[in-house]
């Protein structure tokens, strides 16, 4: 009986430790959720390049021009249906320059949308 009690105590400690680990791992994700909802708005406000996007169904392109007097970088962001999103190469634009960043969906249902990130 004493051996069963010791085993039960160890099992309980293990369960409490596992529950603590799960709670600790889940808490940061929950804490980020409200910030994640605000991120697209903040990102949209920070866009200063003049860009257009297009796609052929599998590859998305962001064509951007820097109409400012500061150096700015951008890259294409392609949302792929039923497949991981794709990101194009970062392009750095000096004032007045233009360039294209492209990314390809290698599976799923192809391009769902094309956007760009600035940095």
Protein backbone atom coordinates (compact mmCIF):
# COMPACT_ATOMS: atom_id res chain seq x y z
CA UNK A 1 0.00 0.00 0.00
CA UNK A 2 2.86 2.36 0.82
CA UNK A 3 4.37 1.76 -2.63
CA UNK A 4 1.04 2.62 -4.31
CA UNK A 5 0.79 5.82 -2.27
CA UNK A 6 4.32 6.87 -3.35
CA UNK A 7 3.52 6.10 -6.99
CA UNK A 8 0.27 8.09 -6.78
CA UNK A 9 2.13 11.04 -5.24
CA UNK A 10 4.74 10.98 -8.05
CA UNK A 11 2.01 10.77 -10.68
CA UNK A 12 0.20 13.74 -9.13
CA UNK A 13 3.42 15.81 -9.10
CA UNK A 14 4.03 14.92 -12.74
CA UNK A 15 0.47 15.91 -13.68
CA UNK A 16 0.82 19.24 -11.87
CA UNK A 17 4.17 19.90 -13.58
CA UNK A 18 2.73 19.08 -17.01
CA UNK A 19 -0.28 21.31 -16.36
CA UNK A 20 2.06 24.15 -15.38
CA UNK A 21 4.09 23.74 -18.57
CA UNK A 22 0.95 23.74 -20.73
CA UNK A 23 -0.40 26.81 -18.95
CA UNK A 24 2.91 28.65 -19.35
CA UNK A 25 3.08 27.81 -23.04
CA UNK A 26 -0.53 28.82 -23.66
CA UNK A 27 -0.46 32.09 -21.72
CA UNK A 28 1.95 33.95 -24.02
CA UNK A 29 -0.10 32.96 -27.09
CA UNK A 30 -3.27 34.24 -25.45
CA UNK A 31 -1.50 37.43 -24.43
CA UNK A 32 -0.44 38.04 -28.03
CA UNK A 33 -3.89 37.55 -29.52
CA UNK A 34 -5.15 41.14 -28.94
CA UNK A 35 -1.90 42.57 -30.34
CA UNK A 36 -2.12 40.33 -33.36
CA UNK A 37 -5.53 41.77 -34.21
CA UNK A 38 -4.07 45.30 -34.14
CA UNK A 39 -0.99 44.44 -36.20
CA UNK A 40 -2.59 44.68 -39.70
CA UNK A 41 -3.89 48.18 -38.92
CA UNK A 42 -0.49 49.29 -37.65
CA UNK A 43 1.17 47.69 -40.65
CA UNK A 44 -1.23 49.41 -43.07
CA UNK A 45 -0.57 52.80 -41.47
CA UNK A 46 3.19 52.31 -41.88
CA UNK A 47 3.01 51.71 -45.66
CA UNK A 48 4.52 54.63 -47.52
CA UNK A 49 5.55 53.08 -50.84
CA UNK A 50 3.40 53.26 -53.95
CA UNK A 51 2.71 49.62 -54.85
CA UNK A 52 0.50 47.48 -57.04
CA UNK A 53 0.09 43.70 -56.97
CA UNK A 54 -0.74 41.02 -59.51
CA UNK A 55 -0.74 37.25 -59.87
CA UNK A 56 -0.78 34.57 -62.54
CA UNK A 57 -2.53 32.15 -60.16
CA UNK A 58 0.62 30.57 -58.69
CA UNK A 59 3.05 33.48 -58.34
CA UNK A 60 2.26 36.84 -56.76
CA UNK A 61 4.17 40.05 -57.45
CA UNK A 62 4.42 43.35 -55.59
CA UNK A 63 5.59 46.22 -57.83
CA UNK A 64 6.69 49.13 -55.64
CA UNK A 65 8.07 52.63 -56.17
CA UNK A 66 9.65 54.81 -53.51
CA UNK A 67 8.19 58.32 -53.87
CA UNK A 68 9.74 59.48 -50.59
CA UNK A 69 13.11 60.98 -49.72
CA UNK A 70 14.16 58.05 -47.48
CA UNK A 71 15.45 54.54 -48.24
CA UNK A 72 12.71 51.94 -47.76
CA UNK A 73 12.57 48.12 -48.08
CA UNK A 74 9.63 45.89 -49.03
CA UNK A 75 8.78 42.31 -49.91
CA UNK A 76 5.81 40.46 -51.37
CA UNK A 77 3.49 38.45 -49.12
CA UNK A 78 1.45 35.82 -50.94
CA UNK A 79 -1.40 34.00 -49.22
CA UNK A 80 -1.62 30.50 -50.68
CA UNK A 81 -4.89 28.59 -50.42
CA UNK A 82 -4.49 25.36 -48.41
CA UNK A 83 -0.72 25.82 -48.37
CA UNK A 84 1.77 27.83 -46.28
CA UNK A 85 2.03 31.52 -47.19
CA UNK A 86 4.99 32.59 -49.29
CA UNK A 87 7.28 35.60 -48.89
CA UNK A 88 9.33 37.28 -51.59
CA UNK A 89 12.87 38.57 -51.27
CA UNK A 90 13.39 41.90 -49.52
CA UNK A 91 14.07 44.72 -51.98
CA UNK A 92 15.63 48.02 -50.91
CA UNK A 93 14.55 51.13 -52.76
CA UNK A 94 16.40 54.44 -52.73
CA UNK A 95 14.26 57.55 -53.31
CA UNK A 96 12.73 57.41 -56.78
CA UNK A 97 13.60 53.74 -57.42
CA UNK A 98 11.19 50.93 -58.38
CA UNK A 99 11.49 47.15 -58.10
CA UNK A 100 9.49 43.91 -57.90
CA UNK A 101 9.37 41.23 -55.21
CA UNK A 102 7.72 37.90 -56.06
CA UNK A 103 6.73 34.73 -54.22
CA UNK A 104 5.29 31.44 -55.49
CA UNK A 105 2.73 29.01 -54.09
CA UNK A 106 4.10 25.53 -54.69
CA UNK A 107 0.88 23.72 -53.84
CA UNK A 108 -2.62 24.05 -52.47
CA UNK A 109 -5.14 26.00 -54.52
CA UNK A 110 -2.74 28.72 -55.63
CA UNK A 111 -2.64 32.42 -54.80
CA UNK A 112 -5.47 33.71 -52.64
CA UNK A 113 -4.15 37.26 -52.29
CA UNK A 114 -1.01 39.35 -52.68
CA UNK A 115 0.17 42.12 -50.38
CA UNK A 116 3.49 43.62 -49.31
CA UNK A 117 5.40 44.36 -46.14
CA UNK A 118 7.55 47.42 -45.68
CA UNK A 119 10.48 47.66 -43.37
